[in-house]
Amino acid sequence: MAPRTYRMTRRAAASAETRRRIVDAAIALHAEKGILGTTWPDIAKRADVALGTVYRHFPGLDQLVPACTSENAVRMRPPGASVLVGVTRPEERIGRFVEELFAFYGRSAPWTPRASIDRHQLPVLDTILSRREAGLKALVEETLGPLRRRRHALDAALALTDFGVWRSLTRSGLSTEAAARLITEVLVTWVNRRRVR
């Protein structure tokens, strides 16, 4: 009985390794071509597997997209509530949040613009991105704390920390860190001014 178990374990390990190679290839291609611009033959060639192997692991985009976005989230480490642990002052909370979010944007920059385009034709991707956006909104609310109840505070914070703002600032020559400091300063100044009124 032991040899059969050993063979099954080896087969499962080989299958997991093949699946990993396919996901790695798809993630890289999605950064280059977008999800809709990537074909199964492209993935098979990049992963160095047979086309049928790709289809066996991922019959369609409804299976491939969640696998890729889950793996990419592990690699890209989007910020969560843990970034605020131990930070109590509103200005520091805003600074930490913006710093962590902009660093994430820097790590995920190859995929974000293409995903924003592809989501309109891929319901599975739109669902995943909508969940992430809801999570980001919840994190902004937690970052602002009681300040979120101030008129337009949440909307302003979401707008000023959007991926497009990070991209515009870094394309204009600012580093990710400098862009985060600038947006933190703008947000903190705005919130403090609103507090005085």
Protein backbone atom coordinates (compact mmCIF):
# COMPACT_ATOMS: atom_id res chain seq x y z
CA MET A 1 0.00 0.00 0.00
CA ALA A 2 2.85 2.43 0.76
CA PRO A 3 4.18 2.58 -2.85
CA ARG A 4 0.72 3.63 -4.13
CA THR A 5 0.51 6.45 -1.57
CA TYR A 6 4.00 7.56 -2.57
CA ARG A 7 3.01 7.62 -6.27
CA MET A 8 -0.14 9.60 -5.47
CA THR A 9 1.84 12.10 -3.39
CA ARG A 10 4.38 12.56 -6.18
CA ARG A 11 1.60 12.94 -8.74
CA ALA A 12 -0.16 15.55 -6.58
CA ALA A 13 3.12 17.44 -6.10
CA ALA A 14 3.80 17.39 -9.84
CA SER A 15 0.28 18.61 -10.56
CA ALA A 16 0.64 21.43 -8.02
CA GLU A 17 3.97 22.42 -9.59
CA THR A 18 2.42 22.47 -13.08
CA ARG A 19 -0.49 24.56 -11.82
CA ARG A 20 1.96 27.01 -10.22
CA ARG A 21 3.90 27.34 -13.49
CA ILE A 22 0.67 28.02 -15.39
CA VAL A 23 -0.42 30.68 -12.88
CA ASP A 24 3.04 32.28 -12.93
CA ALA A 25 2.98 32.38 -16.74
CA ALA A 26 -0.53 33.84 -16.80
CA ILE A 27 0.31 36.52 -14.24
CA ALA A 28 3.35 37.61 -16.26
CA LEU A 29 1.38 37.66 -19.50
CA HIS A 30 -1.51 39.57 -17.92
CA ALA A 31 0.98 42.30 -16.98
CA GLU A 32 2.23 42.43 -20.56
CA LYS A 33 -0.98 41.95 -22.57
CA GLY A 34 -3.88 42.15 -20.16
CA ILE A 35 -6.17 39.27 -19.32
CA LEU A 36 -8.21 39.54 -22.51
CA GLY A 37 -5.06 39.87 -24.63
CA THR A 38 -3.60 36.66 -23.25
CA THR A 39 -4.48 33.36 -24.93
CA TRP A 40 -4.25 29.82 -23.62
CA PRO A 41 -1.54 29.03 -26.23
CA ASP A 42 0.43 32.04 -24.91
CA ILE A 43 0.16 30.64 -21.38
CA ALA A 44 1.11 27.10 -22.47
CA LYS A 45 4.19 28.37 -24.28
CA ARG A 46 5.33 30.58 -21.37
CA ALA A 47 4.70 27.80 -18.82
CA ASP A 48 6.35 25.22 -21.09
CA VAL A 49 3.39 22.85 -20.90
CA ALA A 50 1.00 21.35 -23.41
CA LEU A 51 -2.05 23.39 -24.34
CA GLY A 52 -4.31 20.62 -23.03
CA THR A 53 -2.59 20.86 -19.66
CA VAL A 54 -3.56 24.51 -19.34
CA TYR A 55 -7.18 23.68 -20.18
CA ARG A 56 -7.18 20.75 -17.75
CA HIS A 57 -6.14 23.03 -14.87
CA PHE A 58 -8.08 26.09 -16.01
CA PRO A 59 -10.99 25.39 -18.38
CA GLY A 60 -11.88 29.08 -18.59
CA LEU A 61 -11.31 32.58 -17.26
CA ASP A 62 -13.71 31.96 -14.38
CA GLN A 63 -11.13 29.54 -12.96
CA LEU A 64 -7.93 31.26 -14.13
CA VAL A 65 -8.67 34.83 -13.04
CA PRO A 66 -9.36 34.02 -9.35
CA ALA A 67 -6.25 31.83 -9.19
CA CYS A 68 -4.09 34.60 -10.66
CA THR A 69 -5.56 37.44 -8.60
CA SER A 70 -5.26 35.42 -5.38
CA GLU A 71 -1.62 34.58 -6.06
CA ASN A 72 -0.85 38.13 -7.11
CA ALA A 73 -2.43 39.48 -3.91
CA VAL A 74 -0.08 37.27 -1.89
CA ARG A 75 2.89 38.60 -3.86
CA MET A 76 1.80 42.26 -3.96
CA ARG A 77 0.63 42.48 -0.33
CA PRO A 78 -2.23 45.01 -0.46
CA PRO A 79 -2.49 47.02 2.76
CA GLY A 80 -4.96 45.92 5.40
CA ALA A 81 -6.05 47.08 8.83
CA SER A 82 -2.79 45.75 10.32
CA VAL A 83 -0.93 48.79 8.91
CA LEU A 84 -2.74 50.96 11.48
CA VAL A 85 -1.92 48.85 14.54
CA GLY A 86 -0.35 50.99 17.24
CA VAL A 87 -0.88 54.26 15.35
CA THR A 88 -3.37 56.52 17.12
CA ARG A 89 -2.86 60.12 16.00
CA PRO A 90 -4.99 60.96 12.92
CA GLU A 91 -2.06 62.52 11.05
CA GLU A 92 0.13 59.47 11.62
CA ARG A 93 -2.69 57.11 10.62
CA ILE A 94 -3.21 58.98 7.37
CA GLY A 95 0.52 59.02 6.68
CA ARG A 96 0.92 55.29 7.33
CA PHE A 97 -2.10 54.42 5.19
CA VAL A 98 -0.99 56.55 2.22
CA GLU A 99 2.59 55.26 2.46
CA GLU A 100 1.47 51.63 2.49
CA LEU A 101 -1.11 52.10 -0.27
CA PHE A 102 1.28 53.93 -2.58
CA ALA A 103 3.95 51.27 -1.99
CA PHE A 104 1.34 48.67 -3.00
CA TYR A 105 0.55 50.70 -6.13
CA GLY A 106 4.23 50.63 -7.00
CA ARG A 107 4.32 46.84 -6.66
CA SER A 108 1.09 46.27 -8.59
CA ALA A 109 1.55 48.91 -11.31
CA PRO A 110 1.99 46.47 -14.24
CA TRP A 111 -1.43 44.86 -13.62
CA THR A 112 -3.69 47.64 -12.36
CA PRO A 113 -4.31 49.66 -15.56
CA ARG A 114 -4.97 46.57 -17.67
CA ALA A 115 -7.28 45.06 -15.05
CA SER A 116 -9.26 48.30 -14.95
CA ILE A 117 -9.91 47.95 -18.68
CA ASP A 118 -10.56 44.20 -18.73
CA ARG A 119 -13.00 44.27 -15.81
CA HIS A 120 -15.73 45.76 -18.03
CA GLN A 121 -15.81 42.58 -20.11
CA LEU A 122 -15.03 40.05 -17.38
CA PRO A 123 -17.66 39.72 -14.67
CA VAL A 124 -15.39 37.50 -12.56
CA LEU A 125 -12.68 40.17 -12.56
CA ASP A 126 -15.18 42.95 -11.89
CA THR A 127 -16.47 41.04 -8.85
CA ILE A 128 -12.93 40.57 -7.48
CA LEU A 129 -11.99 44.22 -8.04
CA SER A 130 -15.28 45.45 -6.55
CA ARG A 131 -14.52 43.47 -3.37
CA ARG A 132 -11.04 44.97 -3.24
CA GLU A 133 -12.43 48.48 -3.69
CA ALA A 134 -14.91 47.89 -0.87
CA GLY A 135 -12.01 46.72 1.31
CA LEU A 136 -10.03 49.84 0.44
CA LYS A 137 -12.99 52.06 1.29
CA ALA A 138 -13.35 50.29 4.65
CA LEU A 139 -9.63 50.80 5.30
CA VAL A 140 -9.93 54.53 4.49
CA GLU A 141 -12.87 54.79 6.89
CA GLU A 142 -10.83 53.07 9.59
CA THR A 143 -7.85 55.31 8.86
CA LEU A 144 -9.90 58.47 9.21
CA GLY A 145 -11.75 57.25 12.30
CA PRO A 146 -14.16 59.92 13.55
CA LEU A 147 -12.89 62.32 10.86
CA ARG A 148 -14.67 60.25 8.21
CA ARG A 149 -17.94 61.83 9.32
CA ARG A 150 -16.76 65.24 8.24
CA ARG A 151 -18.39 66.35 5.05
CA HIS A 152 -16.55 64.99 2.00
CA ALA A 153 -13.63 63.62 4.07
CA LEU A 154 -14.08 60.03 2.88
CA ASP A 155 -14.60 61.07 -0.76
CA ALA A 156 -11.55 63.33 -0.69
CA ALA A 157 -9.37 60.64 0.87
CA LEU A 158 -10.49 58.05 -1.69
CA ALA A 159 -9.95 60.44 -4.60
CA LEU A 160 -6.51 61.62 -3.45
CA THR A 161 -5.28 58.07 -2.84
CA ASP A 162 -6.50 56.66 -6.14
CA PHE A 163 -4.09 54.68 -8.31
CA GLY A 164 -4.32 57.36 -11.01
CA VAL A 165 -3.06 60.03 -8.58
CA TRP A 166 -0.06 57.85 -7.62
CA ARG A 167 0.68 57.18 -11.28
CA SER A 168 0.46 60.85 -12.26
CA LEU A 169 2.75 61.92 -9.44
CA THR A 170 5.35 59.24 -10.09
CA ARG A 171 5.27 59.86 -13.84
CA SER A 172 5.95 63.54 -13.13
CA GLY A 173 9.20 62.52 -11.41
CA LEU A 174 8.28 62.03 -7.76
CA SER A 175 9.32 58.84 -6.05
CA THR A 176 6.58 56.71 -4.50
CA GLU A 177 7.74 57.87 -1.07
CA ALA A 178 7.68 61.56 -2.07
CA ALA A 179 4.24 61.14 -3.64
CA ALA A 180 2.98 59.57 -0.40
CA ARG A 181 4.39 62.45 1.66
CA LEU A 182 2.78 65.02 -0.63
CA ILE A 183 -0.67 63.39 -0.54
CA THR A 184 -0.41 62.90 3.22
CA GLU A 185 0.37 66.58 3.64
CA VAL A 186 -2.56 67.58 1.43
CA LEU A 187 -4.99 65.28 3.26
CA VAL A 188 -3.81 66.23 6.74
CA THR A 189 -3.92 69.95 5.92
CA TRP A 190 -7.40 69.61 4.45
CA VAL A 191 -8.72 67.56 7.39
CA ASN A 192 -7.21 69.93 9.95
CA ARG A 193 -8.66 72.95 8.19
CA ARG A 194 -12.07 71.30 8.14
CA ARG A 195 -11.67 70.56 11.89
CA VAL A 196 -11.09 74.24 12.68
CA ARG A 197 -14.23 75.42 10.85
